[in-house]
Amino acid sequence: MSKHILVVDDEARIREVLQYALKKEGFTVTCVETGPAALEVVERGGVDLMVLDVMLPEMDGLEVCRRLRRTSRIPILFLSARGEEVDRIVGLELGGDDYLTKPFSPRELTARVRAVFRRTEEPAPAPAAKSSTMEYKGIQLDTDRHEVRYGGKFVSLTPTEFGVLGALLERPGVVLSRAQLMQRAYRYDNLITERTIDTHVRRIRAKFRAAGTDPIATVHGVGYKAAGD
């Protein structure tokens, strides 16, 4: 079955261009104009990815993402006429999977959509010579199942977050620079950059702090390491 993509944009021309480009690539496409309408479609089920404009009437795209992330891990690709780094970081911190600035080419958009699907659906296999499970201070990370637990409870991480945390837990006590973490997480996310590493680390910390711990320590001016070493 073809993937179902929900396009959320208040500009009719943008919706038409996206619908045409995505359908041409074999995707099933639904288009809506507002945030509340998008949440209703997602609630009915069957949406595999959302292309979400940031600047929407009634409820902006960031608020749509914030509400969606309370109950769903559907991948979100943000669209925005604003290309400032702070906007991209806010979108990523809220749980977005990618960010594309208008104007954009339909070919780039469809390439980004496919890249998001690859990252979220095809985690890299664990090295054959190593155990599939790592344990560190109550955290269990299973690379075969692509699952993380703390105190026996599941912690939901994106593929990129999984890669960053795995890199730190593989080498307790070793400080990894942002460049080293980027290289380790690249197999999970080929669009990751050094500038977004801090964003992913903050998201990992927030999720684990909600569970009662913080697995990462900052080494100022150098990078990060597993907390407690």
N, C-alpha and C. Protein backbone atom coordinates (compact mmCIF):
# COMPACT_ATOMS: atom_id res chain seq x y z
N MET A 1 0.83 -1.19 0.00
CA MET A 1 0.00 0.00 0.00
C MET A 1 0.88 1.25 0.00
N SER A 2 0.42 2.30 -0.70
CA SER A 2 1.19 3.53 -0.75
C SER A 2 1.10 4.27 0.57
N LYS A 3 2.13 5.02 0.89
CA LYS A 3 2.15 5.81 2.10
C LYS A 3 1.14 6.96 1.99
N HIS A 4 0.49 7.25 3.12
CA HIS A 4 -0.51 8.32 3.16
C HIS A 4 0.12 9.56 3.78
N ILE A 5 0.18 10.64 3.02
CA ILE A 5 0.79 11.88 3.49
C ILE A 5 -0.28 12.95 3.64
N LEU A 6 -0.27 13.62 4.79
CA LEU A 6 -1.19 14.72 5.07
C LEU A 6 -0.47 16.04 4.85
N VAL A 7 -0.96 16.85 3.94
CA VAL A 7 -0.39 18.17 3.66
C VAL A 7 -1.25 19.22 4.36
N VAL A 8 -0.60 20.07 5.17
CA VAL A 8 -1.33 21.09 5.92
C VAL A 8 -0.74 22.45 5.55
N ASP A 9 -1.48 23.22 4.76
CA ASP A 9 -1.02 24.54 4.32
C ASP A 9 -2.23 25.37 3.94
N ASP A 10 -2.23 26.66 4.31
CA ASP A 10 -3.39 27.51 4.02
C ASP A 10 -3.31 28.16 2.64
N GLU A 11 -2.22 27.93 1.90
CA GLU A 11 -2.09 28.48 0.55
C GLU A 11 -2.50 27.42 -0.48
N ALA A 12 -3.55 27.73 -1.23
CA ALA A 12 -4.09 26.76 -2.19
C ALA A 12 -3.05 26.34 -3.21
N ARG A 13 -2.23 27.29 -3.68
CA ARG A 13 -1.23 26.98 -4.69
C ARG A 13 -0.20 25.99 -4.15
N ILE A 14 0.22 26.19 -2.90
CA ILE A 14 1.19 25.28 -2.30
C ILE A 14 0.58 23.88 -2.17
N ARG A 15 -0.66 23.81 -1.73
CA ARG A 15 -1.33 22.50 -1.60
C ARG A 15 -1.38 21.79 -2.95
N GLU A 16 -1.71 22.53 -4.00
CA GLU A 16 -1.80 21.93 -5.34
C GLU A 16 -0.45 21.39 -5.80
N VAL A 17 0.60 22.17 -5.59
CA VAL A 17 1.94 21.75 -6.02
C VAL A 17 2.38 20.50 -5.24
N LEU A 18 2.17 20.52 -3.94
CA LEU A 18 2.58 19.38 -3.12
C LEU A 18 1.78 18.14 -3.46
N GLN A 19 0.49 18.30 -3.63
CA GLN A 19 -0.35 17.14 -3.96
C GLN A 19 0.08 16.52 -5.28
N TYR A 20 0.33 17.35 -6.28
CA TYR A 20 0.75 16.84 -7.59
C TYR A 20 2.10 16.12 -7.49
N ALA A 21 3.07 16.75 -6.81
CA ALA A 21 4.42 16.18 -6.73
C ALA A 21 4.43 14.86 -5.96
N LEU A 22 3.69 14.81 -4.86
CA LEU A 22 3.69 13.61 -4.03
C LEU A 22 2.91 12.47 -4.68
N LYS A 23 1.79 12.80 -5.31
CA LYS A 23 1.03 11.76 -6.01
C LYS A 23 1.84 11.18 -7.17
N LYS A 24 2.60 12.05 -7.83
CA LYS A 24 3.45 11.60 -8.94
C LYS A 24 4.47 10.58 -8.46
N GLU A 25 4.88 10.67 -7.19
CA GLU A 25 5.85 9.74 -6.61
C GLU A 25 5.19 8.50 -6.01
N GLY A 26 3.87 8.39 -6.16
CA GLY A 26 3.17 7.20 -5.71
C GLY A 26 2.55 7.27 -4.33
N PHE A 27 2.57 8.45 -3.70
CA PHE A 27 1.99 8.59 -2.38
C PHE A 27 0.49 8.91 -2.47
N THR A 28 -0.25 8.51 -1.44
CA THR A 28 -1.63 8.95 -1.27
C THR A 28 -1.60 10.25 -0.49
N VAL A 29 -2.35 11.26 -0.95
CA VAL A 29 -2.24 12.60 -0.36
C VAL A 29 -3.61 13.13 0.08
N THR A 30 -3.66 13.66 1.28
CA THR A 30 -4.82 14.40 1.77
C THR A 30 -4.36 15.81 2.10
N CYS A 31 -5.14 16.82 1.72
CA CYS A 31 -4.78 18.22 1.97
C CYS A 31 -5.82 18.89 2.86
N VAL A 32 -5.36 19.64 3.85
CA VAL A 32 -6.24 20.46 4.68
C VAL A 32 -5.60 21.83 4.85
N GLU A 33 -6.42 22.81 5.32
CA GLU A 33 -5.95 24.19 5.38
C GLU A 33 -5.58 24.65 6.78
N THR A 34 -6.06 23.98 7.82
CA THR A 34 -5.87 24.46 9.19
C THR A 34 -5.33 23.39 10.12
N GLY A 35 -4.79 23.85 11.26
CA GLY A 35 -4.28 22.93 12.25
C GLY A 35 -5.34 22.03 12.86
N PRO A 36 -6.48 22.58 13.30
CA PRO A 36 -7.52 21.72 13.86
C PRO A 36 -7.98 20.64 12.89
N ALA A 37 -8.09 20.99 11.61
CA ALA A 37 -8.50 19.99 10.61
C ALA A 37 -7.44 18.90 10.50
N ALA A 38 -6.16 19.28 10.60
CA ALA A 38 -5.08 18.29 10.52
C ALA A 38 -5.15 17.31 11.68
N LEU A 39 -5.39 17.82 12.88
CA LEU A 39 -5.47 16.95 14.05
C LEU A 39 -6.65 15.99 13.95
N GLU A 40 -7.74 16.45 13.36
CA GLU A 40 -8.91 15.57 13.16
C GLU A 40 -8.58 14.43 12.21
N VAL A 41 -7.86 14.75 11.12
CA VAL A 41 -7.49 13.71 10.15
C VAL A 41 -6.57 12.69 10.81
N VAL A 42 -5.59 13.15 11.56
CA VAL A 42 -4.66 12.23 12.23
C VAL A 42 -5.40 11.35 13.22
N GLU A 43 -6.34 11.92 13.94
CA GLU A 43 -7.09 11.16 14.94
C GLU A 43 -7.87 10.01 14.30
N ARG A 44 -8.30 10.20 13.06
CA ARG A 44 -9.04 9.13 12.37
C ARG A 44 -8.12 7.98 11.99
N GLY A 45 -6.80 8.24 11.95
CA GLY A 45 -5.84 7.18 11.67
C GLY A 45 -5.46 7.07 10.21
N GLY A 46 -4.37 6.34 9.96
CA GLY A 46 -3.95 6.05 8.59
C GLY A 46 -2.97 7.02 7.99
N VAL A 47 -2.55 8.05 8.73
CA VAL A 47 -1.58 9.02 8.20
C VAL A 47 -0.18 8.53 8.52
N ASP A 48 0.70 8.49 7.52
CA ASP A 48 2.07 8.01 7.71
C ASP A 48 3.08 9.14 7.89
N LEU A 49 2.77 10.33 7.39
CA LEU A 49 3.68 11.47 7.50
C LEU A 49 2.89 12.75 7.28
N MET A 50 3.29 13.81 7.98
CA MET A 50 2.63 15.11 7.82
C MET A 50 3.61 16.14 7.28
N VAL A 51 3.21 16.85 6.21
CA VAL A 51 3.94 18.01 5.72
C VAL A 51 3.20 19.22 6.27
N LEU A 52 3.82 19.96 7.17
CA LEU A 52 3.12 20.94 8.01
C LEU A 52 3.70 22.34 7.87
N ASP A 53 2.88 23.27 7.41
CA ASP A 53 3.29 24.66 7.32
C ASP A 53 3.34 25.27 8.73
N VAL A 54 4.37 26.05 9.02
CA VAL A 54 4.49 26.67 10.33
C VAL A 54 3.49 27.80 10.51
N MET A 55 3.32 28.64 9.50
CA MET A 55 2.48 29.83 9.60
C MET A 55 1.06 29.51 9.13
N LEU A 56 0.24 29.01 10.06
CA LEU A 56 -1.15 28.67 9.76
C LEU A 56 -2.09 29.57 10.54
N PRO A 57 -3.30 29.83 10.01
CA PRO A 57 -4.31 30.57 10.78
C PRO A 57 -4.89 29.68 11.88
N GLU A 58 -5.52 30.30 12.88
CA GLU A 58 -6.19 29.61 13.98
C GLU A 58 -5.19 28.95 14.93
N MET A 59 -4.40 28.02 14.42
CA MET A 59 -3.42 27.30 15.24
C MET A 59 -2.18 27.09 14.38
N ASP A 60 -1.03 27.64 14.81
CA ASP A 60 0.15 27.54 13.95
C ASP A 60 0.72 26.12 13.98
N GLY A 61 1.64 25.87 13.05
CA GLY A 61 2.18 24.53 12.90
C GLY A 61 2.94 24.03 14.11
N LEU A 62 3.60 24.94 14.84
CA LEU A 62 4.33 24.52 16.03
C LEU A 62 3.38 23.99 17.10
N GLU A 63 2.23 24.65 17.25
CA GLU A 63 1.24 24.18 18.22
C GLU A 63 0.62 22.86 17.77
N VAL A 64 0.42 22.70 16.46
CA VAL A 64 -0.08 21.43 15.94
C VAL A 64 0.89 20.31 16.31
N CYS A 65 2.18 20.55 16.10
CA CYS A 65 3.21 19.57 16.43
C CYS A 65 3.22 19.27 17.91
N ARG A 66 3.14 20.32 18.74
CA ARG A 66 3.16 20.14 20.19
C ARG A 66 2.01 19.24 20.64
N ARG A 67 0.83 19.46 20.11
CA ARG A 67 -0.33 18.66 20.50
C ARG A 67 -0.23 17.24 19.96
N LEU A 68 0.26 17.13 18.74
CA LEU A 68 0.37 15.81 18.12
C LEU A 68 1.35 14.92 18.88
N ARG A 69 2.45 15.52 19.35
CA ARG A 69 3.49 14.74 20.01
C ARG A 69 3.06 14.20 21.39
N ARG A 70 1.92 14.65 21.89
CA ARG A 70 1.42 14.11 23.15
C ARG A 70 0.97 12.66 22.98
N THR A 71 0.56 12.31 21.77
CA THR A 71 0.00 10.97 21.55
C THR A 71 0.55 10.24 20.34
N SER A 72 1.34 10.91 19.48
CA SER A 72 1.72 10.29 18.21
C SER A 72 3.16 10.57 17.85
N ARG A 73 3.79 9.60 17.15
CA ARG A 73 5.13 9.78 16.63
C ARG A 73 5.13 9.86 15.11
N ILE A 74 4.00 10.25 14.52
CA ILE A 74 3.96 10.42 13.07
C ILE A 74 5.05 11.40 12.64
N PRO A 75 5.87 11.05 11.65
CA PRO A 75 6.92 11.98 11.20
C PRO A 75 6.32 13.29 10.70
N ILE A 76 7.00 14.40 11.02
CA ILE A 76 6.55 15.73 10.60
C ILE A 76 7.67 16.43 9.85
N LEU A 77 7.37 16.91 8.66
CA LEU A 77 8.28 17.73 7.88
C LEU A 77 7.69 19.14 7.86
N PHE A 78 8.37 20.08 8.51
CA PHE A 78 7.89 21.46 8.58
C PHE A 78 8.19 22.22 7.29
N LEU A 79 7.26 23.09 6.90
CA LEU A 79 7.47 24.06 5.84
C LEU A 79 7.37 25.45 6.43
N SER A 80 8.25 26.36 6.01
CA SER A 80 8.16 27.72 6.52
C SER A 80 8.78 28.70 5.55
N ALA A 81 8.22 29.90 5.50
CA ALA A 81 8.80 30.98 4.71
C ALA A 81 9.97 31.61 5.45
N ARG A 82 10.11 31.27 6.73
CA ARG A 82 11.20 31.82 7.54
C ARG A 82 12.30 30.77 7.66
N GLY A 83 13.52 31.16 7.31
CA GLY A 83 14.61 30.19 7.31
C GLY A 83 15.61 30.38 8.43
N GLU A 84 15.26 31.24 9.44
CA GLU A 84 16.20 31.49 10.52
C GLU A 84 16.48 30.21 11.30
N GLU A 85 17.72 30.10 11.79
CA GLU A 85 18.12 28.90 12.52
C GLU A 85 17.26 28.67 13.75
N VAL A 86 16.87 29.75 14.46
CA VAL A 86 16.07 29.58 15.66
C VAL A 86 14.74 28.91 15.36
N ASP A 87 14.14 29.22 14.21
CA ASP A 87 12.87 28.60 13.84
C ASP A 87 13.06 27.11 13.58
N ARG A 88 14.15 26.75 12.91
CA ARG A 88 14.42 25.34 12.64
C ARG A 88 14.65 24.58 13.94
N ILE A 89 15.39 25.19 14.86
CA ILE A 89 15.69 24.53 16.12
C ILE A 89 14.42 24.33 16.94
N VAL A 90 13.57 25.35 17.00
CA VAL A 90 12.31 25.21 17.74
C VAL A 90 11.48 24.07 17.17
N GLY A 91 11.40 24.00 15.84
CA GLY A 91 10.64 22.92 15.21
C GLY A 91 11.19 21.55 15.55
N LEU A 92 12.51 21.41 15.55
CA LEU A 92 13.14 20.13 15.89
C LEU A 92 12.93 19.79 17.36
N GLU A 93 13.06 20.80 18.22
CA GLU A 93 12.90 20.54 19.65
C GLU A 93 11.49 20.09 20.00
N LEU A 94 10.51 20.57 19.26
CA LEU A 94 9.13 20.18 19.52
C LEU A 94 8.82 18.77 19.01
N GLY A 95 9.72 18.22 18.20
CA GLY A 95 9.52 16.85 17.72
C GLY A 95 9.43 16.73 16.22
N GLY A 96 9.75 17.79 15.49
CA GLY A 96 9.76 17.71 14.04
C GLY A 96 10.92 16.85 13.55
N ASP A 97 10.76 16.26 12.37
CA ASP A 97 11.78 15.37 11.82
C ASP A 97 12.62 16.02 10.73
N ASP A 98 12.11 17.09 10.12
CA ASP A 98 12.87 17.81 9.11
C ASP A 98 12.22 19.17 8.93
N TYR A 99 12.92 20.08 8.23
CA TYR A 99 12.48 21.46 8.09
C TYR A 99 12.90 21.96 6.71
N LEU A 100 11.94 22.41 5.93
CA LEU A 100 12.21 22.88 4.57
C LEU A 100 11.71 24.31 4.42
N THR A 101 12.58 25.18 3.90
CA THR A 101 12.24 26.60 3.78
C THR A 101 11.66 26.91 2.41
N LYS A 102 10.58 27.68 2.39
CA LYS A 102 10.00 28.15 1.14
C LYS A 102 10.84 29.31 0.60
N PRO A 103 10.95 29.46 -0.73
CA PRO A 103 10.44 28.55 -1.77
C PRO A 103 11.32 27.30 -1.88
N PHE A 104 10.73 26.21 -2.32
CA PHE A 104 11.46 24.96 -2.44
C PHE A 104 11.05 24.30 -3.75
N SER A 105 11.87 23.36 -4.20
CA SER A 105 11.52 22.62 -5.41
C SER A 105 10.73 21.38 -5.03
N PRO A 106 9.74 20.98 -5.81
CA PRO A 106 9.00 19.74 -5.52
C PRO A 106 9.91 18.53 -5.44
N ARG A 107 10.98 18.51 -6.24
CA ARG A 107 11.90 17.37 -6.21
C ARG A 107 12.61 17.29 -4.86
N GLU A 108 13.00 18.45 -4.31
CA GLU A 108 13.67 18.42 -3.00
C GLU A 108 12.68 17.95 -1.94
N LEU A 109 11.45 18.43 -2.01
CA LEU A 109 10.47 18.02 -1.01
C LEU A 109 10.26 16.51 -1.02
N THR A 110 10.06 15.93 -2.21
CA THR A 110 9.83 14.48 -2.27
C THR A 110 11.06 13.71 -1.81
N ALA A 111 12.26 14.24 -2.09
CA ALA A 111 13.48 13.60 -1.61
C ALA A 111 13.55 13.64 -0.08
N ARG A 112 13.16 14.78 0.49
CA ARG A 112 13.16 14.90 1.95
C ARG A 112 12.15 13.94 2.58
N VAL A 113 10.97 13.83 1.97
CA VAL A 113 9.94 12.92 2.47
C VAL A 113 10.47 11.49 2.49
N ARG A 114 11.09 11.07 1.40
CA ARG A 114 11.63 9.70 1.35
C ARG A 114 12.75 9.51 2.37
N ALA A 115 13.56 10.55 2.59
CA ALA A 115 14.65 10.45 3.57
C ALA A 115 14.08 10.30 4.98
N VAL A 116 13.01 11.03 5.28
CA VAL A 116 12.38 10.90 6.59
C VAL A 116 11.85 9.50 6.79
N PHE A 117 11.20 8.94 5.76
CA PHE A 117 10.70 7.57 5.87
C PHE A 117 11.84 6.58 6.10
N ARG A 118 12.96 6.78 5.40
CA ARG A 118 14.09 5.87 5.60
C ARG A 118 14.61 5.94 7.02
N ARG A 119 14.74 7.14 7.55
CA ARG A 119 15.29 7.30 8.90
C ARG A 119 14.37 6.73 9.96
N THR A 120 13.07 6.88 9.78
CA THR A 120 12.14 6.46 10.82
C THR A 120 11.73 5.00 10.71
N GLU A 121 11.97 4.38 9.55
CA GLU A 121 11.50 3.01 9.36
C GLU A 121 12.60 1.99 9.22
N GLU A 122 13.84 2.41 8.95
CA GLU A 122 14.91 1.46 8.69
C GLU A 122 16.11 1.72 9.58
N PRO A 123 16.00 1.44 10.88
CA PRO A 123 17.16 1.61 11.76
C PRO A 123 18.32 0.72 11.33
N ALA A 124 19.50 1.25 11.47
CA ALA A 124 20.68 0.48 11.07
C ALA A 124 20.85 -0.73 11.97
N PRO A 125 21.28 -1.87 11.40
CA PRO A 125 21.46 -3.07 12.22
C PRO A 125 22.65 -2.93 13.15
N ALA A 126 22.60 -3.63 14.25
CA ALA A 126 23.71 -3.62 15.19
C ALA A 126 24.89 -4.38 14.60
N PRO A 127 26.13 -3.98 14.92
CA PRO A 127 27.30 -4.74 14.47
C PRO A 127 27.22 -6.18 14.94
N ALA A 128 27.56 -7.11 14.05
CA ALA A 128 27.40 -8.53 14.37
C ALA A 128 28.26 -8.98 15.54
N ALA A 129 29.40 -8.32 15.73
CA ALA A 129 30.32 -8.78 16.76
C ALA A 129 29.94 -8.31 18.16
N LYS A 130 28.94 -7.43 18.26
CA LYS A 130 28.59 -6.89 19.55
C LYS A 130 27.22 -7.39 20.00
N SER A 131 27.02 -7.39 21.30
CA SER A 131 25.70 -7.71 21.84
C SER A 131 24.71 -6.64 21.40
N SER A 132 23.45 -7.04 21.20
CA SER A 132 22.44 -6.10 20.76
C SER A 132 21.96 -5.20 21.89
N THR A 133 22.34 -5.53 23.14
CA THR A 133 21.84 -4.77 24.28
C THR A 133 22.98 -4.14 25.06
N MET A 134 22.82 -2.85 25.38
CA MET A 134 23.75 -2.14 26.25
C MET A 134 22.99 -1.75 27.51
N GLU A 135 23.65 -1.84 28.66
CA GLU A 135 23.05 -1.44 29.92
C GLU A 135 23.97 -0.47 30.63
N TYR A 136 23.38 0.61 31.14
CA TYR A 136 24.20 1.62 31.82
C TYR A 136 23.32 2.37 32.82
N LYS A 137 23.64 2.20 34.11
CA LYS A 137 22.96 2.91 35.18
C LYS A 137 21.43 2.88 35.05
N GLY A 138 20.90 1.70 34.84
CA GLY A 138 19.46 1.53 34.77
C GLY A 138 18.86 1.71 33.39
N ILE A 139 19.69 2.11 32.41
CA ILE A 139 19.22 2.31 31.04
C ILE A 139 19.56 1.07 30.22
N GLN A 140 18.58 0.51 29.54
CA GLN A 140 18.80 -0.61 28.62
C GLN A 140 18.53 -0.14 27.20
N LEU A 141 19.51 -0.29 26.33
CA LEU A 141 19.39 0.12 24.94
C LEU A 141 19.57 -1.10 24.05
N ASP A 142 18.52 -1.48 23.33
CA ASP A 142 18.52 -2.68 22.50
C ASP A 142 18.57 -2.26 21.03
N THR A 143 19.73 -2.49 20.39
CA THR A 143 19.89 -2.04 19.00
C THR A 143 19.13 -2.91 18.01
N ASP A 144 18.90 -4.18 18.34
CA ASP A 144 18.12 -5.04 17.45
C ASP A 144 16.65 -4.62 17.42
N ARG A 145 16.10 -4.40 18.61
CA ARG A 145 14.69 -4.00 18.71
C ARG A 145 14.50 -2.50 18.55
N HIS A 146 15.60 -1.76 18.59
CA HIS A 146 15.57 -0.30 18.51
C HIS A 146 14.68 0.27 19.61
N GLU A 147 14.93 -0.22 20.84
CA GLU A 147 14.16 0.18 22.00
C GLU A 147 15.07 0.65 23.13
N VAL A 148 14.56 1.60 23.91
CA VAL A 148 15.29 2.09 25.07
C VAL A 148 14.35 2.03 26.27
N ARG A 149 14.87 1.54 27.39
CA ARG A 149 14.09 1.48 28.62
C ARG A 149 14.91 2.03 29.77
N TYR A 150 14.22 2.63 30.72
CA TYR A 150 14.85 3.06 31.96
C TYR A 150 13.98 2.59 33.12
N GLY A 151 14.59 1.85 34.04
CA GLY A 151 13.83 1.31 35.14
C GLY A 151 12.72 0.40 34.69
N GLY A 152 12.93 -0.26 33.55
CA GLY A 152 11.92 -1.17 33.02
C GLY A 152 10.84 -0.52 32.21
N LYS A 153 10.84 0.82 32.12
CA LYS A 153 9.81 1.54 31.37
C LYS A 153 10.36 2.04 30.03
N PHE A 154 9.55 1.94 29.00
CA PHE A 154 9.95 2.32 27.65
C PHE A 154 10.11 3.83 27.54
N VAL A 155 11.20 4.28 26.93
CA VAL A 155 11.44 5.70 26.64
C VAL A 155 11.46 5.86 25.12
N SER A 156 10.56 6.66 24.59
CA SER A 156 10.42 6.81 23.14
C SER A 156 11.45 7.79 22.60
N LEU A 157 12.37 7.30 21.76
CA LEU A 157 13.38 8.15 21.12
C LEU A 157 13.24 8.08 19.61
N THR A 158 13.54 9.19 18.95
CA THR A 158 13.60 9.18 17.49
C THR A 158 14.86 8.42 17.07
N PRO A 159 14.96 8.00 15.79
CA PRO A 159 16.17 7.31 15.34
C PRO A 159 17.45 8.12 15.60
N THR A 160 17.40 9.43 15.39
CA THR A 160 18.59 10.25 15.62
C THR A 160 18.96 10.28 17.09
N GLU A 161 17.96 10.47 17.97
CA GLU A 161 18.21 10.47 19.40
C GLU A 161 18.77 9.13 19.85
N PHE A 162 18.25 8.06 19.29
CA PHE A 162 18.74 6.72 19.60
C PHE A 162 20.22 6.60 19.25
N GLY A 163 20.60 7.12 18.08
CA GLY A 163 21.99 7.05 17.65
C GLY A 163 22.92 7.86 18.53
N VAL A 164 22.48 9.05 18.95
CA VAL A 164 23.30 9.88 19.83
C VAL A 164 23.49 9.23 21.18
N LEU A 165 22.40 8.76 21.78
CA LEU A 165 22.50 8.11 23.09
C LEU A 165 23.35 6.85 23.01
N GLY A 166 23.16 6.06 21.95
CA GLY A 166 23.94 4.84 21.79
C GLY A 166 25.43 5.11 21.72
N ALA A 167 25.80 6.20 21.03
CA ALA A 167 27.22 6.55 20.91
C ALA A 167 27.82 6.84 22.28
N LEU A 168 27.06 7.51 23.14
CA LEU A 168 27.58 7.86 24.46
C LEU A 168 27.63 6.65 25.39
N LEU A 169 26.61 5.80 25.32
CA LEU A 169 26.59 4.63 26.21
C LEU A 169 27.59 3.56 25.79
N GLU A 170 27.97 3.54 24.51
CA GLU A 170 28.95 2.57 24.04
C GLU A 170 30.32 2.81 24.66
N ARG A 171 30.59 4.08 25.01
CA ARG A 171 31.92 4.42 25.52
C ARG A 171 31.79 5.26 26.78
N PRO A 172 31.32 4.65 27.87
CA PRO A 172 31.16 5.40 29.12
C PRO A 172 32.47 6.05 29.56
N GLY A 173 32.38 7.30 29.97
CA GLY A 173 33.56 8.01 30.44
C GLY A 173 34.32 8.73 29.36
N VAL A 174 34.03 8.43 28.09
CA VAL A 174 34.73 9.07 26.97
C VAL A 174 33.92 10.28 26.50
N VAL A 175 34.59 11.42 26.41
CA VAL A 175 33.93 12.63 25.93
C VAL A 175 33.93 12.63 24.41
N LEU A 176 32.75 12.78 23.82
CA LEU A 176 32.62 12.83 22.36
C LEU A 176 32.27 14.24 21.92
N SER A 177 32.97 14.71 20.91
CA SER A 177 32.68 16.03 20.37
C SER A 177 31.39 15.99 19.57
N ARG A 178 30.87 17.15 19.22
CA ARG A 178 29.67 17.21 18.39
C ARG A 178 29.91 16.56 17.03
N ALA A 179 31.11 16.74 16.50
CA ALA A 179 31.43 16.13 15.21
C ALA A 179 31.42 14.61 15.30
N GLN A 180 31.96 14.07 16.40
CA GLN A 180 31.96 12.61 16.58
C GLN A 180 30.55 12.07 16.75
N LEU A 181 29.72 12.79 17.51
CA LEU A 181 28.33 12.37 17.68
C LEU A 181 27.57 12.44 16.36
N MET A 182 27.87 13.47 15.57
CA MET A 182 27.22 13.60 14.27
C MET A 182 27.57 12.42 13.37
N GLN A 183 28.83 12.02 13.38
CA GLN A 183 29.25 10.88 12.55
C GLN A 183 28.57 9.59 12.99
N ARG A 184 28.43 9.41 14.32
CA ARG A 184 27.79 8.20 14.84
C ARG A 184 26.30 8.16 14.50
N ALA A 185 25.64 9.32 14.58
CA ALA A 185 24.20 9.37 14.34
C ALA A 185 23.87 9.48 12.86
N TYR A 186 24.88 9.69 12.01
CA TYR A 186 24.63 9.90 10.58
C TYR A 186 23.95 8.70 9.94
N ARG A 187 24.25 7.49 10.42
CA ARG A 187 23.64 6.32 9.81
C ARG A 187 22.15 6.24 10.11
N TYR A 188 21.70 7.00 11.14
CA TYR A 188 20.28 7.07 11.45
C TYR A 188 19.63 8.29 10.81
N ASP A 189 20.41 9.31 10.50
CA ASP A 189 19.86 10.59 10.03
C ASP A 189 20.91 11.27 9.14
N ASN A 190 20.72 11.19 7.81
CA ASN A 190 21.75 11.73 6.92
C ASN A 190 21.65 13.25 6.73
N LEU A 191 20.74 13.91 7.47
CA LEU A 191 20.64 15.36 7.41
C LEU A 191 21.11 16.02 8.71
N ILE A 192 21.60 15.23 9.64
CA ILE A 192 22.03 15.78 10.92
C ILE A 192 23.28 16.64 10.73
N THR A 193 23.40 17.71 11.52
CA THR A 193 24.57 18.58 11.46
C THR A 193 25.07 18.83 12.88
N GLU A 194 26.29 19.37 12.98
CA GLU A 194 26.83 19.68 14.31
C GLU A 194 25.95 20.68 15.04
N ARG A 195 25.32 21.60 14.30
CA ARG A 195 24.50 22.62 14.94
C ARG A 195 23.23 22.05 15.56
N THR A 196 22.78 20.89 15.07
CA THR A 196 21.56 20.31 15.63
C THR A 196 21.82 19.28 16.72
N ILE A 197 23.10 18.93 16.97
CA ILE A 197 23.41 17.96 18.01
C ILE A 197 22.89 18.43 19.36
N ASP A 198 23.11 19.71 19.69
CA ASP A 198 22.64 20.23 20.98
C ASP A 198 21.13 20.07 21.12
N THR A 199 20.40 20.28 20.03
CA THR A 199 18.94 20.14 20.05
C THR A 199 18.56 18.71 20.39
N HIS A 200 19.21 17.75 19.75
CA HIS A 200 18.88 16.34 20.00
C HIS A 200 19.25 15.94 21.43
N VAL A 201 20.37 16.45 21.93
CA VAL A 201 20.76 16.15 23.30
C VAL A 201 19.73 16.70 24.28
N ARG A 202 19.26 17.93 24.05
CA ARG A 202 18.24 18.51 24.94
C ARG A 202 16.97 17.67 24.94
N ARG A 203 16.59 17.16 23.78
CA ARG A 203 15.38 16.34 23.71
C ARG A 203 15.56 15.01 24.44
N ILE A 204 16.73 14.40 24.31
CA ILE A 204 17.01 13.16 25.04
C ILE A 204 16.93 13.41 26.54
N ARG A 205 17.56 14.48 26.99
CA ARG A 205 17.57 14.79 28.42
C ARG A 205 16.15 15.03 28.95
N ALA A 206 15.36 15.76 28.19
CA ALA A 206 14.00 16.06 28.63
C ALA A 206 13.19 14.78 28.81
N LYS A 207 13.35 13.85 27.90
CA LYS A 207 12.59 12.59 27.97
C LYS A 207 13.04 11.75 29.17
N PHE A 208 14.35 11.70 29.43
CA PHE A 208 14.83 10.91 30.55
C PHE A 208 14.58 11.61 31.88
N ARG A 209 14.64 12.93 31.90
CA ARG A 209 14.33 13.64 33.14
C ARG A 209 12.88 13.39 33.55
N ALA A 210 11.99 13.30 32.56
CA ALA A 210 10.59 12.98 32.86
C ALA A 210 10.48 11.59 33.48
N ALA A 211 11.45 10.71 33.17
CA ALA A 211 11.46 9.35 33.72
C ALA A 211 12.26 9.26 35.01
N GLY A 212 12.94 10.37 35.39
CA GLY A 212 13.63 10.39 36.67
C GLY A 212 15.14 10.35 36.64
N THR A 213 15.76 10.58 35.47
CA THR A 213 17.23 10.55 35.41
C THR A 213 17.71 11.48 34.30
N ASP A 214 19.01 11.65 34.20
CA ASP A 214 19.63 12.41 33.11
C ASP A 214 20.87 11.63 32.68
N PRO A 215 20.86 11.03 31.49
CA PRO A 215 21.96 10.14 31.10
C PRO A 215 23.17 10.84 30.50
N ILE A 216 23.09 12.17 30.31
CA ILE A 216 24.14 12.87 29.56
C ILE A 216 24.73 14.00 30.39
N ALA A 217 26.06 14.11 30.36
CA ALA A 217 26.77 15.21 31.01
C ALA A 217 27.44 16.08 29.95
N THR A 218 27.38 17.37 30.15
CA THR A 218 28.03 18.32 29.24
C THR A 218 29.46 18.60 29.71
N VAL A 219 30.39 18.52 28.79
CA VAL A 219 31.77 18.91 29.07
C VAL A 219 32.00 20.18 28.26
N HIS A 220 31.92 21.32 28.94
CA HIS A 220 31.91 22.60 28.26
C HIS A 220 33.17 22.81 27.41
N GLY A 221 32.91 23.25 26.18
CA GLY A 221 34.00 23.51 25.25
C GLY A 221 34.52 22.28 24.54
N VAL A 222 33.99 21.10 24.91
CA VAL A 222 34.46 19.86 24.29
C VAL A 222 33.31 19.08 23.65
N GLY A 223 32.33 18.70 24.47
CA GLY A 223 31.23 17.90 23.93
C GLY A 223 30.40 17.29 25.03
N TYR A 224 30.09 15.99 24.89
CA TYR A 224 29.22 15.31 25.84
C TYR A 224 29.79 13.93 26.19
N LYS A 225 29.34 13.42 27.36
CA LYS A 225 29.68 12.05 27.75
C LYS A 225 28.52 11.48 28.54
N ALA A 226 28.54 10.17 28.78
CA ALA A 226 27.53 9.55 29.62
C ALA A 226 27.64 10.09 31.03
N ALA A 227 26.52 10.47 31.62
CA ALA A 227 26.53 11.06 32.96
C ALA A 227 27.02 10.06 34.00
N GLY A 228 27.79 10.57 34.96
CA GLY A 228 28.24 9.71 36.05
C GLY A 228 29.63 9.15 35.86
N ASP A 229 30.27 9.45 34.70
CA ASP A 229 31.62 8.95 34.44
C ASP A 229 32.58 10.10 34.19
